Protein backbone atom coordinates (compact mmCIF):
# COMPACT_ATOMS: atom_id res chain seq x y z
CA MET A 1 0.00 0.00 0.00
CA ILE A 2 1.25 3.46 -0.89
CA PRO A 3 1.63 5.79 2.13
CA ILE A 4 -0.11 9.14 1.59
CA HIS A 5 1.26 12.30 3.20
CA GLN A 6 -0.68 15.43 3.99
CA TYR A 7 0.47 18.13 1.60
CA ASN A 8 3.40 19.95 3.24
CA LEU A 9 5.50 21.06 0.28
CA PRO A 10 6.97 24.60 0.25
CA ASP A 11 4.10 26.49 -1.38
CA ILE A 12 1.59 25.50 1.31
CA SER A 13 3.09 28.24 3.52
CA ILE A 14 1.30 31.00 1.58
CA LEU A 15 -2.08 29.79 2.88
CA GLU A 16 -1.24 31.70 6.06
CA SER A 17 -0.54 34.97 4.23
CA VAL A 18 -2.60 37.96 5.33
CA GLY A 19 -2.59 39.55 1.88
CA ASP A 20 -2.55 38.20 -1.65
CA SER A 21 0.65 36.27 -2.26
CA TYR A 22 2.43 33.82 -4.55
CA HIS A 23 5.15 31.19 -4.33
CA ILE A 24 7.21 29.70 -7.16
CA TRP A 25 9.43 26.75 -6.41
CA HIS A 26 11.65 24.37 -8.29
CA PRO A 27 11.41 20.85 -6.81
CA GLN A 28 14.74 19.20 -6.06
CA ASP A 29 13.22 15.72 -5.90
CA THR A 30 10.33 13.80 -7.46
CA TYR A 31 6.92 13.87 -5.78
CA ILE A 32 3.44 12.75 -6.72
CA VAL A 33 0.55 14.93 -5.61
CA LEU A 34 -3.00 13.60 -5.55
CA GLY A 35 -5.93 15.96 -6.01
CA ALA A 36 -8.34 16.22 -3.09
CA GLY A 37 -10.77 13.77 -4.70
CA ASN A 38 -8.21 11.29 -6.07
CA LYS A 39 -7.69 7.77 -4.75
CA PRO A 40 -4.23 6.21 -5.14
CA GLU A 41 -5.62 2.93 -6.46
CA GLU A 42 -7.42 4.81 -9.25
CA SER A 43 -4.65 7.27 -10.08
CA LEU A 44 -1.29 5.57 -9.54
CA ILE A 45 0.66 2.61 -10.91
CA GLU A 46 1.52 1.29 -7.47
CA GLU A 47 4.30 -1.08 -8.54
CA TYR A 48 6.53 1.68 -9.89
CA VAL A 49 5.67 4.30 -7.27
CA LEU A 50 6.74 1.89 -4.54
CA ALA A 51 9.77 0.55 -6.42
CA ASP A 52 11.11 4.06 -7.00
CA GLN A 53 10.21 5.20 -3.46
CA ILE A 54 8.30 8.25 -4.67
CA ALA A 55 6.70 10.32 -1.89
CA VAL A 56 2.96 10.79 -2.45
CA HIS A 57 1.10 13.80 -1.04
CA LYS A 58 -2.55 14.82 -1.16
CA ARG A 59 -3.25 18.52 -1.69
CA PRO A 60 -6.36 20.41 -0.54
CA SER A 61 -7.23 21.56 -4.07
CA GLY A 62 -9.12 19.54 -6.65
CA GLY A 63 -7.99 18.48 -10.10
CA GLN A 64 -6.10 15.36 -11.09
CA THR A 65 -2.86 13.79 -9.88
CA VAL A 66 0.41 15.46 -10.90
CA VAL A 67 4.09 14.55 -10.83
CA LEU A 68 6.59 17.15 -9.61
CA THR A 69 10.23 16.78 -10.63
CA PRO A 70 13.37 18.94 -10.87
CA LYS A 71 12.35 19.59 -14.48
CA THR A 72 9.07 21.25 -13.48
CA LEU A 73 8.12 24.50 -11.78
CA VAL A 74 5.30 24.89 -9.29
CA VAL A 75 3.37 28.17 -9.32
CA SER A 76 1.01 28.84 -6.42
CA VAL A 77 -1.09 31.95 -5.83
CA LEU A 78 -3.22 32.98 -2.86
CA LEU A 79 -6.03 35.46 -3.52
CA HIS A 80 -8.47 36.68 -0.92
CA GLN A 81 -12.11 36.56 -1.85
CA ASN A 82 -12.36 40.29 -2.36
CA SER A 83 -9.82 39.78 -5.19
CA THR A 84 -11.85 37.18 -7.06
CA SER A 85 -14.56 34.83 -5.83
CA ASN A 86 -15.15 32.99 -9.12
CA PRO A 87 -12.79 30.02 -9.69
CA LEU A 88 -13.21 30.16 -13.48
CA GLU A 89 -12.23 33.82 -13.47
CA ALA A 90 -9.25 33.03 -11.24
CA PHE A 91 -8.05 30.24 -13.54
CA LYS A 92 -8.26 32.55 -16.55
CA LYS A 93 -6.63 35.49 -14.76
CA ILE A 94 -3.68 33.52 -13.38
CA ASN A 95 -3.16 31.30 -16.43
CA THR A 96 -3.18 34.35 -18.69
CA THR A 97 -0.52 35.93 -16.46
CA ILE A 98 1.59 32.75 -16.69
CA ALA A 99 1.16 32.49 -20.46
CA ASN A 100 2.21 36.11 -20.90
CA ALA A 101 5.33 35.46 -18.80
CA LEU A 102 6.20 32.46 -20.96
CA GLU A 103 5.69 34.44 -24.15
CA ARG A 104 8.16 37.04 -22.89
CA VAL A 105 10.91 34.40 -22.87
CA GLY A 106 10.02 33.16 -26.33
CA VAL A 107 7.46 30.37 -25.84
CA GLU A 108 4.89 30.38 -28.64
CA ASN A 109 1.50 28.87 -29.53
CA LEU A 110 0.15 28.99 -25.97
CA ALA A 111 -3.57 28.67 -25.28
CA HIS A 112 -5.94 28.21 -22.33
CA LYS A 113 -7.79 24.89 -22.78
CA GLY A 114 -10.36 23.04 -20.71
CA ILE A 115 -11.11 24.59 -17.34
CA SER A 116 -7.59 25.09 -16.09
CA ASP A 117 -4.86 23.98 -18.53
CA ILE A 118 -2.32 25.86 -20.60
CA THR A 119 -1.41 24.13 -23.85
CA ILE A 120 1.09 24.34 -26.66
CA GLU A 121 -0.54 23.25 -29.92
CA ASP A 122 -3.28 21.28 -28.14
CA ARG A 123 -0.95 19.46 -25.71
CA LYS A 124 -0.89 20.30 -22.01
CA VAL A 125 2.17 22.08 -20.65
CA LEU A 126 0.59 23.33 -17.41
CA GLY A 127 -2.22 21.91 -15.29
CA SER A 128 -3.74 23.74 -12.36
CA SER A 129 -6.28 23.40 -9.58
CA ILE A 130 -7.98 25.60 -7.01
CA TYR A 131 -8.87 25.24 -3.34
CA ARG A 132 -11.37 27.65 -1.79
CA SER A 133 -12.01 28.36 1.86
CA LYS A 134 -14.37 30.92 3.35
CA ASP A 135 -12.20 33.91 2.47
CA LYS A 136 -9.29 32.57 0.39
CA LEU A 137 -8.66 31.08 -3.03
CA PHE A 138 -5.51 28.99 -3.48
CA TYR A 139 -4.28 28.28 -7.02
CA HIS A 140 -1.77 25.49 -7.62
CA GLY A 141 -0.18 25.06 -11.07
CA VAL A 142 2.54 22.73 -12.37
CA LEU A 143 4.53 23.76 -15.44
CA ASN A 144 6.39 21.06 -17.35
CA VAL A 145 9.65 22.66 -18.36
CA ALA A 146 11.57 19.59 -19.55
CA GLU A 147 10.23 16.38 -17.97
CA PRO A 148 9.88 13.52 -20.49
CA ASN A 149 6.41 12.05 -20.92
CA ALA A 150 7.77 8.63 -19.97
CA THR A 151 7.85 9.78 -16.34
CA PHE A 152 4.12 10.46 -16.28
CA GLU A 153 3.39 7.20 -18.07
CA ARG A 154 5.45 5.28 -15.52
CA TYR A 155 3.60 6.51 -12.44
CA LEU A 156 0.14 7.69 -13.49
CA LYS A 157 -2.87 5.78 -14.72
CA HIS A 158 -5.23 7.43 -17.17
CA PRO A 159 -7.21 9.92 -15.04
CA PRO A 160 -10.82 9.10 -14.11
CA LYS A 161 -11.85 12.53 -15.43
CA GLU A 162 -10.38 14.46 -18.33
CA PRO A 163 -11.02 17.70 -20.24
CA ASP A 164 -12.92 17.38 -23.51
CA TYR A 165 -9.93 18.40 -25.59
CA ARG A 166 -7.88 15.42 -24.33
CA LYS A 167 -10.13 13.04 -26.31
CA GLY A 168 -8.87 9.94 -24.53
CA ARG A 169 -5.21 10.52 -25.42
CA PRO A 170 -2.64 8.73 -23.21
CA HIS A 171 -0.10 10.82 -21.31
CA GLY A 172 2.49 10.39 -24.05
CA ASP A 173 0.24 11.97 -26.67
CA PHE A 174 -1.38 14.56 -24.42
CA VAL A 175 1.44 16.19 -22.42
CA THR A 176 4.27 18.33 -23.74
CA SER A 177 7.08 20.43 -22.25
CA ILE A 178 8.63 23.82 -22.87
CA ALA A 179 11.87 22.11 -23.90
CA THR A 180 10.13 20.00 -26.54
CA ASN A 181 8.98 23.17 -28.27
CA LYS A 182 11.88 25.53 -27.46
CA ASN A 183 14.99 23.62 -26.47
CA ASP A 184 17.26 26.64 -26.00
CA ILE A 185 15.38 28.06 -23.01
CA ASP A 186 16.81 28.09 -19.48
CA ILE A 187 14.54 27.18 -16.57
CA ARG A 188 16.05 30.10 -14.63
CA ASP A 189 14.85 32.55 -17.28
CA ILE A 190 11.36 31.08 -17.06
CA GLU A 191 11.42 31.33 -13.28
CA ARG A 192 12.52 34.99 -13.37
CA SER A 193 9.80 35.91 -15.85
CA LEU A 194 7.18 34.16 -13.72
CA HIS A 195 8.37 35.96 -10.58
CA ASP A 196 8.06 39.33 -12.32
CA ALA A 197 4.57 38.53 -13.59
CA MET A 198 3.27 37.12 -10.31
CA HIS A 199 4.68 40.02 -8.31
CA ARG A 200 2.72 42.42 -10.50
CA LEU A 201 -0.41 40.28 -10.22
CA VAL A 202 -0.56 40.22 -6.43
CA SER A 203 0.63 43.83 -6.09
CA LYS A 204 -2.19 45.38 -8.13
CA PRO A 205 -4.43 47.69 -6.06
CA SER A 206 -7.46 45.64 -7.13
CA ALA A 207 -5.90 42.57 -5.54
CA GLN A 208 -5.44 44.02 -2.06
């Protein structure tokens, strides 16, 4: 049986922020994170998760299971309900900010697909989810900078729910990375551009 840990990765700290905030972090190890409604037996290929000793966490937000690796970036944003109370609006607002930051470092053909994904030419490069409490909205997004699709195929089963645009495609045909489409980009440049964009997002007077 796979042990499941309560989500305690670095970005969870912003849930205690008094004002709107964000956290971007670059994992130094591999983790699997279940969505709030996911069950490990439905989402994970247990044999390989156990064999590779991958730590599995369950986050408070919804959405499907994700794999975090040193070739991904995690973008988390905390907005108070006076900033935006509509999850669909929050997904669009934050994902548009992320897409604009990626475009500034030369990533092309980005689009918002489904409820909460960013794609490059109809393949997912970022998935995100939202957790809402009485007065806070917590956005959690994972950007695939350079992780090969084989990693997701090794650990993840086909999700029980999927966006319409996936059309039943397996992970190998559905997911892409920044590096696949622009192999001369440095993850540090992406991280800097995201920091600049997120700082402006949470610093706007309308987001106080």
